[in-house]
């Protein structure tokens, strides 16, 4: 684990601590970082699912299928 001296907005830290239900500054920052990383992963997974579900609507898969059939 890294120790990083940083200046943190006291008001935002207190607000985050209340909303996250954490007791220490360290717990608050670590919980917020964990949540930010998880949200990012969730967003990527959601985008990939959307792409898989909707790819045929905007990518020329018909062209690729026709090209594949013409090679046989």
PDB file of N, CA and C in Angstrom:
ATOM      1  N   UNK A   1       0.854  -1.173   0.000  1.00  0.00           N
ATOM      2  CA  UNK A   1       0.000   0.000   0.000  1.00  0.00           C
ATOM      3  C   UNK A   1       0.897   1.232   0.000  1.00  0.00           C
ATOM      4  N   UNK A   2       0.521   2.220  -0.766  1.00  0.00           N
ATOM      5  CA  UNK A   2       1.310   3.444  -0.894  1.00  0.00           C
ATOM      6  C   UNK A   2       0.861   4.495   0.103  1.00  0.00           C
ATOM      7  N   UNK A   3       1.817   5.262   0.563  1.00  0.00           N
ATOM      8  CA  UNK A   3       1.510   6.462   1.343  1.00  0.00           C
ATOM      9  C   UNK A   3       1.739   7.647   0.437  1.00  0.00           C
ATOM     10  N   UNK A   4       0.692   8.449   0.259  1.00  0.00           N
ATOM     11  CA  UNK A   4       0.774   9.577  -0.656  1.00  0.00           C
ATOM     12  C   UNK A   4       0.298  10.826   0.079  1.00  0.00           C
ATOM     13  N   UNK A   5       1.197  11.764   0.323  1.00  0.00           N
ATOM     14  CA  UNK A   5       0.757  13.007   0.970  1.00  0.00           C
ATOM     15  C   UNK A   5       0.009  13.883  -0.039  1.00  0.00           C
ATOM     16  N   UNK A   6      -1.257  14.123   0.226  1.00  0.00           N
ATOM     17  CA  UNK A   6      -2.073  14.951  -0.668  1.00  0.00           C
ATOM     18  C   UNK A   6      -2.924  15.913   0.150  1.00  0.00           C
ATOM     19  N   UNK A   7      -3.318  17.000  -0.485  1.00  0.00           N
ATOM     20  CA  UNK A   7      -4.256  17.930   0.135  1.00  0.00           C
ATOM     21  C   UNK A   7      -5.654  17.519  -0.304  1.00  0.00           C
ATOM     22  N   UNK A   8      -6.545  17.379   0.679  1.00  0.00           N
ATOM     23  CA  UNK A   8      -7.909  16.940   0.397  1.00  0.00           C
ATOM     24  C   UNK A   8      -8.876  17.995   0.908  1.00  0.00           C
ATOM     25  N   UNK A   9      -9.923  18.245   0.137  1.00  0.00           N
ATOM     26  CA  UNK A   9     -10.965  19.181   0.541  1.00  0.00           C
ATOM     27  C   UNK A   9     -11.677  18.613   1.770  1.00  0.00           C
ATOM     28  N   UNK A  10     -11.580  19.299   2.903  1.00  0.00           N
ATOM     29  CA  UNK A  10     -12.144  18.807   4.160  1.00  0.00           C
ATOM     30  C   UNK A  10     -13.660  18.654   4.096  1.00  0.00           C
ATOM     31  N   UNK A  11     -14.327  19.557   3.423  1.00  0.00           N
ATOM     32  CA  UNK A  11     -15.790  19.491   3.323  1.00  0.00           C
ATOM     33  C   UNK A  11     -16.200  18.260   2.516  1.00  0.00           C
ATOM     34  N   UNK A  12     -15.532  18.035   1.380  1.00  0.00           N
ATOM     35  CA  UNK A  12     -15.853  16.871   0.557  1.00  0.00           C
ATOM     36  C   UNK A  12     -15.519  15.571   1.276  1.00  0.00           C
ATOM     37  N   UNK A  13     -14.425  15.561   1.992  1.00  0.00           N
ATOM     38  CA  UNK A  13     -14.041  14.373   2.742  1.00  0.00           C
ATOM     39  C   UNK A  13     -15.089  14.055   3.809  1.00  0.00           C
ATOM     40  N   UNK A  14     -15.549  15.069   4.525  1.00  0.00           N
ATOM     41  CA  UNK A  14     -16.571  14.863   5.557  1.00  0.00           C
ATOM     42  C   UNK A  14     -17.877  14.380   4.929  1.00  0.00           C
ATOM     43  N   UNK A  15     -18.244  14.955   3.805  1.00  0.00           N
ATOM     44  CA  UNK A  15     -19.466  14.549   3.114  1.00  0.00           C
ATOM     45  C   UNK A  15     -19.357  13.091   2.646  1.00  0.00           C
ATOM     46  N   UNK A  16     -18.214  12.760   2.071  1.00  0.00           N
ATOM     47  CA  UNK A  16     -17.997  11.383   1.607  1.00  0.00           C
ATOM     48  C   UNK A  16     -18.023  10.413   2.788  1.00  0.00           C
ATOM     49  N   UNK A  17     -17.428  10.794   3.895  1.00  0.00           N
ATOM     50  CA  UNK A  17     -17.400   9.932   5.073  1.00  0.00           C
ATOM     51  C   UNK A  17     -18.822   9.641   5.552  1.00  0.00           C
ATOM     52  N   UNK A  18     -19.654  10.662   5.590  1.00  0.00           N
ATOM     53  CA  UNK A  18     -21.053  10.463   6.010  1.00  0.00           C
ATOM     54  C   UNK A  18     -21.798   9.558   5.036  1.00  0.00           C
ATOM     55  N   UNK A  19     -21.656   9.825   3.748  1.00  0.00           N
ATOM     56  CA  UNK A  19     -22.394   9.048   2.746  1.00  0.00           C
ATOM     57  C   UNK A  19     -21.913   7.611   2.659  1.00  0.00           C
ATOM     58  N   UNK A  20     -20.618   7.416   2.841  1.00  0.00           N
ATOM     59  CA  UNK A  20     -20.064   6.067   2.747  1.00  0.00           C
ATOM     60  C   UNK A  20     -20.149   5.309   4.066  1.00  0.00           C
ATOM     61  N   UNK A  21     -20.373   6.027   5.152  1.00  0.00           N
ATOM     62  CA  UNK A  21     -20.453   5.385   6.453  1.00  0.00           C
ATOM     63  C   UNK A  21     -19.116   4.906   6.987  1.00  0.00           C
ATOM     64  N   UNK A  22     -18.047   5.576   6.575  1.00  0.00           N
ATOM     65  CA  UNK A  22     -16.710   5.186   7.029  1.00  0.00           C
ATOM     66  C   UNK A  22     -16.321   5.976   8.271  1.00  0.00           C
ATOM     67  N   UNK A  23     -15.364   5.435   9.017  1.00  0.00           N
ATOM     68  CA  UNK A  23     -14.975   6.075  10.278  1.00  0.00           C
ATOM     69  C   UNK A  23     -13.687   6.883  10.170  1.00  0.00           C
ATOM     70  N   UNK A  24     -12.786   6.486   9.295  1.00  0.00           N
ATOM     71  CA  UNK A  24     -11.504   7.179   9.196  1.00  0.00           C
ATOM     72  C   UNK A  24     -11.318   7.778   7.808  1.00  0.00           C
ATOM     73  N   UNK A  25     -10.387   8.719   7.724  1.00  0.00           N
ATOM     74  CA  UNK A  25     -10.069   9.327   6.423  1.00  0.00           C
ATOM     75  C   UNK A  25      -9.545   8.262   5.468  1.00  0.00           C
ATOM     76  N   UNK A  26      -8.691   7.402   5.975  1.00  0.00           N
ATOM     77  CA  UNK A  26      -8.113   6.339   5.145  1.00  0.00           C
ATOM     78  C   UNK A  26      -9.203   5.431   4.596  1.00  0.00           C
ATOM     79  N   UNK A  27     -10.123   4.996   5.451  1.00  0.00           N
ATOM     80  CA  UNK A  27     -11.224   4.149   4.997  1.00  0.00           C
ATOM     81  C   UNK A  27     -12.085   4.858   3.955  1.00  0.00           C
ATOM     82  N   UNK A  28     -12.303   6.146   4.171  1.00  0.00           N
ATOM     83  CA  UNK A  28     -13.128   6.923   3.248  1.00  0.00           C
ATOM     84  C   UNK A  28     -12.484   6.986   1.872  1.00  0.00           C
ATOM     85  N   UNK A  29     -11.210   7.308   1.835  1.00  0.00           N
ATOM     86  CA  UNK A  29     -10.505   7.411   0.544  1.00  0.00           C
ATOM     87  C   UNK A  29     -10.443   6.047  -0.134  1.00  0.00           C
ATOM     88  N   UNK A  30     -10.116   5.002   0.625  1.00  0.00           N
ATOM     89  CA  UNK A  30     -10.028   3.670   0.025  1.00  0.00           C
ATOM     90  C   UNK A  30     -11.383   3.192  -0.481  1.00  0.00           C
ATOM     91  N   UNK A  31     -12.455   3.449   0.248  1.00  0.00           N
ATOM     92  CA  UNK A  31     -13.794   3.055  -0.201  1.00  0.00           C
ATOM     93  C   UNK A  31     -14.166   3.816  -1.468  1.00  0.00           C
ATOM     94  N   UNK A  32     -13.865   5.119  -1.492  1.00  0.00           N
ATOM     95  CA  UNK A  32     -14.189   5.917  -2.681  1.00  0.00           C
ATOM     96  C   UNK A  32     -13.402   5.431  -3.895  1.00  0.00           C
ATOM     97  N   UNK A  33     -12.136   5.087  -3.711  1.00  0.00           N
ATOM     98  CA  UNK A  33     -11.329   4.568  -4.817  1.00  0.00           C
ATOM     99  C   UNK A  33     -11.868   3.221  -5.303  1.00  0.00           C
ATOM    100  N   UNK A  34     -12.270   2.378  -4.376  1.00  0.00           N
ATOM    101  CA  UNK A  34     -12.843   1.080  -4.734  1.00  0.00           C
ATOM    102  C   UNK A  34     -14.123   1.261  -5.538  1.00  0.00           C
ATOM    103  N   UNK A  35     -14.959   2.174  -5.097  1.00  0.00           N
ATOM    104  CA  UNK A  35     -16.210   2.427  -5.807  1.00  0.00           C
ATOM    105  C   UNK A  35     -15.947   2.992  -7.197  1.00  0.00           C
ATOM    106  N   UNK A  36     -14.998   3.897  -7.311  1.00  0.00           N
ATOM    107  CA  UNK A  36     -14.679   4.482  -8.617  1.00  0.00           C
ATOM    108  C   UNK A  36     -14.161   3.419  -9.578  1.00  0.00           C
ATOM    109  N   UNK A  37     -13.330   2.524  -9.090  1.00  0.00           N
ATOM    110  CA  UNK A  37     -12.808   1.452  -9.941  1.00  0.00           C
ATOM    111  C   UNK A  37     -13.915   0.493 -10.351  1.00  0.00           C
ATOM    112  N   UNK A  38     -14.830   0.185  -9.452  1.00  0.00           N
ATOM    113  CA  UNK A  38     -15.929  -0.730  -9.752  1.00  0.00           C
ATOM    114  C   UNK A  38     -16.889  -0.111 -10.754  1.00  0.00           C
ATOM    115  N   UNK A  39     -17.176   1.158 -10.598  1.00  0.00           N
ATOM    116  CA  UNK A  39     -18.076   1.831 -11.533  1.00  0.00           C
ATOM    117  C   UNK A  39     -17.481   1.805 -12.930  1.00  0.00           C
ATOM    118  N   UNK A  40     -16.212   2.046 -13.017  1.00  0.00           N
ATOM    119  CA  UNK A  40     -15.552   2.031 -14.313  1.00  0.00           C
ATOM    120  C   UNK A  40     -15.655   0.639 -14.944  1.00  0.00           C
ATOM    121  N   UNK A  41     -15.422  -0.403 -14.159  1.00  0.00           N
ATOM    122  CA  UNK A  41     -15.520  -1.767 -14.668  1.00  0.00           C
ATOM    123  C   UNK A  41     -16.957  -2.074 -15.076  1.00  0.00           C
ATOM    124  N   UNK A  42     -17.912  -1.636 -14.277  1.00  0.00           N
ATOM    125  CA  UNK A  42     -19.330  -1.845 -14.608  1.00  0.00           C
ATOM    126  C   UNK A  42     -19.691  -1.133 -15.908  1.00  0.00           C
ATOM    127  N   UNK A  43     -19.201   0.084 -16.065  1.00  0.00           N
ATOM    128  CA  UNK A  43     -19.483   0.835 -17.285  1.00  0.00           C
ATOM    129  C   UNK A  43     -18.923   0.120 -18.507  1.00  0.00           C
ATOM    130  N   UNK A  44     -17.709  -0.399 -18.387  1.00  0.00           N
ATOM    131  CA  UNK A  44     -17.116  -1.125 -19.511  1.00  0.00           C
ATOM    132  C   UNK A  44     -17.908  -2.387 -19.831  1.00  0.00           C
ATOM    133  N   UNK A  45     -18.316  -3.116 -18.810  1.00  0.00           N
ATOM    134  CA  UNK A  45     -19.086  -4.338 -19.031  1.00  0.00           C
ATOM    135  C   UNK A  45     -20.436  -4.017 -19.669  1.00  0.00           C
ATOM    136  N   UNK A  46     -21.075  -2.955 -19.197  1.00  0.00           N
ATOM    137  CA  UNK A  46     -22.370  -2.549 -19.745  1.00  0.00           C
ATOM    138  C   UNK A  46     -22.212  -2.124 -21.210  1.00  0.00           C
ATOM    139  N   UNK A  47     -21.144  -1.406 -21.521  1.00  0.00           N
ATOM    140  CA  UNK A  47     -20.894  -0.975 -22.899  1.00  0.00           C
ATOM    141  C   UNK A  47     -20.628  -2.170 -23.803  1.00  0.00           C
ATOM    142  N   UNK A  48     -19.887  -3.142 -23.314  1.00  0.00           N
ATOM    143  CA  UNK A  48     -19.615  -4.337 -24.112  1.00  0.00           C
ATOM    144  C   UNK A  48     -20.896  -5.108 -24.385  1.00  0.00           C
ATOM    145  N   UNK A  49     -21.749  -5.263 -23.377  1.00  0.00           N
ATOM    146  CA  UNK A  49     -23.031  -5.946 -23.587  1.00  0.00           C
ATOM    147  C   UNK A  49     -23.875  -5.201 -24.621  1.00  0.00           C
ATOM    148  N   UNK A  50     -23.901  -3.869 -24.525  1.00  0.00           N
ATOM    149  CA  UNK A  50     -24.664  -3.080 -25.483  1.00  0.00           C
ATOM    150  C   UNK A  50     -24.115  -3.280 -26.888  1.00  0.00           C
ATOM    151  N   UNK A  51     -22.803  -3.249 -27.012  1.00  0.00           N
ATOM    152  CA  UNK A  51     -22.180  -3.431 -28.322  1.00  0.00           C
ATOM    153  C   UNK A  51     -22.522  -4.800 -28.889  1.00  0.00           C
ATOM    154  N   UNK A  52     -22.465  -5.821 -28.060  1.00  0.00           N
ATOM    155  CA  UNK A  52     -22.806  -7.161 -28.530  1.00  0.00           C
ATOM    156  C   UNK A  52     -24.263  -7.230 -28.974  1.00  0.00           C
ATOM    157  N   UNK A  53     -25.142  -6.591 -28.240  1.00  0.00           N
ATOM    158  CA  UNK A  53     -26.571  -6.624 -28.555  1.00  0.00           C
ATOM    159  C   UNK A  53     -26.931  -5.779 -29.780  1.00  0.00           C
ATOM    160  N   UNK A  54     -26.175  -4.716 -30.042  1.00  0.00           N
ATOM    161  CA  UNK A  54     -26.561  -3.751 -31.072  1.00  0.00           C
ATOM    162  C   UNK A  54     -25.594  -3.632 -32.237  1.00  0.00           C
ATOM    163  N   UNK A  55     -24.559  -4.425 -32.260  1.00  0.00           N
ATOM    164  CA  UNK A  55     -23.512  -4.272 -33.268  1.00  0.00           C
ATOM    165  C   UNK A  55     -24.049  -4.368 -34.690  1.00  0.00           C
ATOM    166  N   UNK A  56     -24.969  -5.278 -34.923  1.00  0.00           N
ATOM    167  CA  UNK A  56     -25.481  -5.458 -36.286  1.00  0.00           C
ATOM    168  C   UNK A  56     -26.193  -4.224 -36.809  1.00  0.00           C
ATOM    169  N   UNK A  57     -26.690  -3.378 -35.909  1.00  0.00           N
ATOM    170  CA  UNK A  57     -27.408  -2.179 -36.330  1.00  0.00           C
ATOM    171  C   UNK A  57     -26.496  -1.126 -36.949  1.00  0.00           C
ATOM    172  N   UNK A  58     -25.220  -1.116 -36.588  1.00  0.00           N
ATOM    173  CA  UNK A  58     -24.356  -0.063 -37.107  1.00  0.00           C
ATOM    174  C   UNK A  58     -23.034  -0.555 -37.679  1.00  0.00           C
ATOM    175  N   UNK A  59     -22.769  -1.830 -37.596  1.00  0.00           N
ATOM    176  CA  UNK A  59     -21.574  -2.386 -38.229  1.00  0.00           C
ATOM    177  C   UNK A  59     -22.017  -3.240 -39.412  1.00  0.00           C
ATOM    178  N   UNK A  60     -21.232  -3.251 -40.449  1.00  0.00           N
ATOM    179  CA  UNK A  60     -21.605  -3.954 -41.673  1.00  0.00           C
ATOM    180  C   UNK A  60     -21.360  -5.443 -41.611  1.00  0.00           C
ATOM    181  N   UNK A  61     -22.016  -6.133 -40.689  1.00  0.00           N
ATOM    182  CA  UNK A  61     -21.827  -7.568 -40.599  1.00  0.00           C
ATOM    183  C   UNK A  61     -22.421  -8.299 -41.800  1.00  0.00           C
ATOM    184  N   UNK A  62     -23.423  -7.722 -42.431  1.00  0.00           N
ATOM    185  CA  UNK A  62     -23.968  -8.320 -43.640  1.00  0.00           C
ATOM    186  C   UNK A  62     -22.905  -8.406 -44.724  1.00  0.00           C
ATOM    187  N   UNK A  63     -22.125  -7.360 -44.843  1.00  0.00           N
ATOM    188  CA  UNK A  63     -21.022  -7.332 -45.804  1.00  0.00           C
ATOM    189  C   UNK A  63     -20.016  -8.432 -45.484  1.00  0.00           C
ATOM    190  N   UNK A  64     -19.674  -8.586 -44.218  1.00  0.00           N
ATOM    191  CA  UNK A  64     -18.710  -9.608 -43.819  1.00  0.00           C
ATOM    192  C   UNK A  64     -19.259 -11.010 -44.076  1.00  0.00           C
ATOM    193  N   UNK A  65     -20.550 -11.211 -43.807  1.00  0.00           N
ATOM    194  CA  UNK A  65     -21.167 -12.515 -44.047  1.00  0.00           C
ATOM    195  C   UNK A  65     -21.157 -12.840 -45.534  1.00  0.00           C
ATOM    196  N   UNK A  66     -21.498 -11.859 -46.360  1.00  0.00           N
ATOM    197  CA  UNK A  66     -21.499 -12.061 -47.812  1.00  0.00           C
ATOM    198  C   UNK A  66     -20.090 -12.373 -48.304  1.00  0.00           C
ATOM    199  N   UNK A  67     -19.135 -11.687 -47.806  1.00  0.00           N
ATOM    200  CA  UNK A  67     -17.736 -11.925 -48.188  1.00  0.00           C
ATOM    201  C   UNK A  67     -17.315 -13.328 -47.796  1.00  0.00           C
ATOM    202  N   UNK A  68     -17.724 -13.761 -46.635  1.00  0.00           N
ATOM    203  CA  UNK A  68     -17.384 -15.099 -46.165  1.00  0.00           C
ATOM    204  C   UNK A  68     -18.044 -16.158 -47.062  1.00  0.00           C
ATOM    205  N   UNK A  69     -19.312 -15.930 -47.439  1.00  0.00           N
ATOM    206  CA  UNK A  69     -20.008 -16.880 -48.311  1.00  0.00           C
ATOM    207  C   UNK A  69     -19.341 -16.949 -49.690  1.00  0.00           C
ATOM    208  N   UNK A  70     -18.854 -15.835 -50.191  1.00  0.00           N
ATOM    209  CA  UNK A  70     -18.255 -15.818 -51.531  1.00  0.00           C
ATOM    210  C   UNK A  70     -16.896 -16.545 -51.566  1.00  0.00           C
ATOM    211  N   UNK A  71     -16.297 -16.750 -50.424  1.00  0.00           N
ATOM    212  CA  UNK A  71     -15.004 -17.457 -50.371  1.00  0.00           C
ATOM    213  C   UNK A  71     -15.177 -18.965 -50.467  1.00  0.00           C
ATOM    214  N   UNK A  72     -16.374 -19.469 -50.253  1.00  0.00           N
ATOM    215  CA  UNK A  72     -16.582 -20.928 -50.251  1.00  0.00           C
ATOM    216  C   UNK A  72     -16.602 -21.489 -51.627  1.00  0.00           C
TER     217      UNK A  72
END
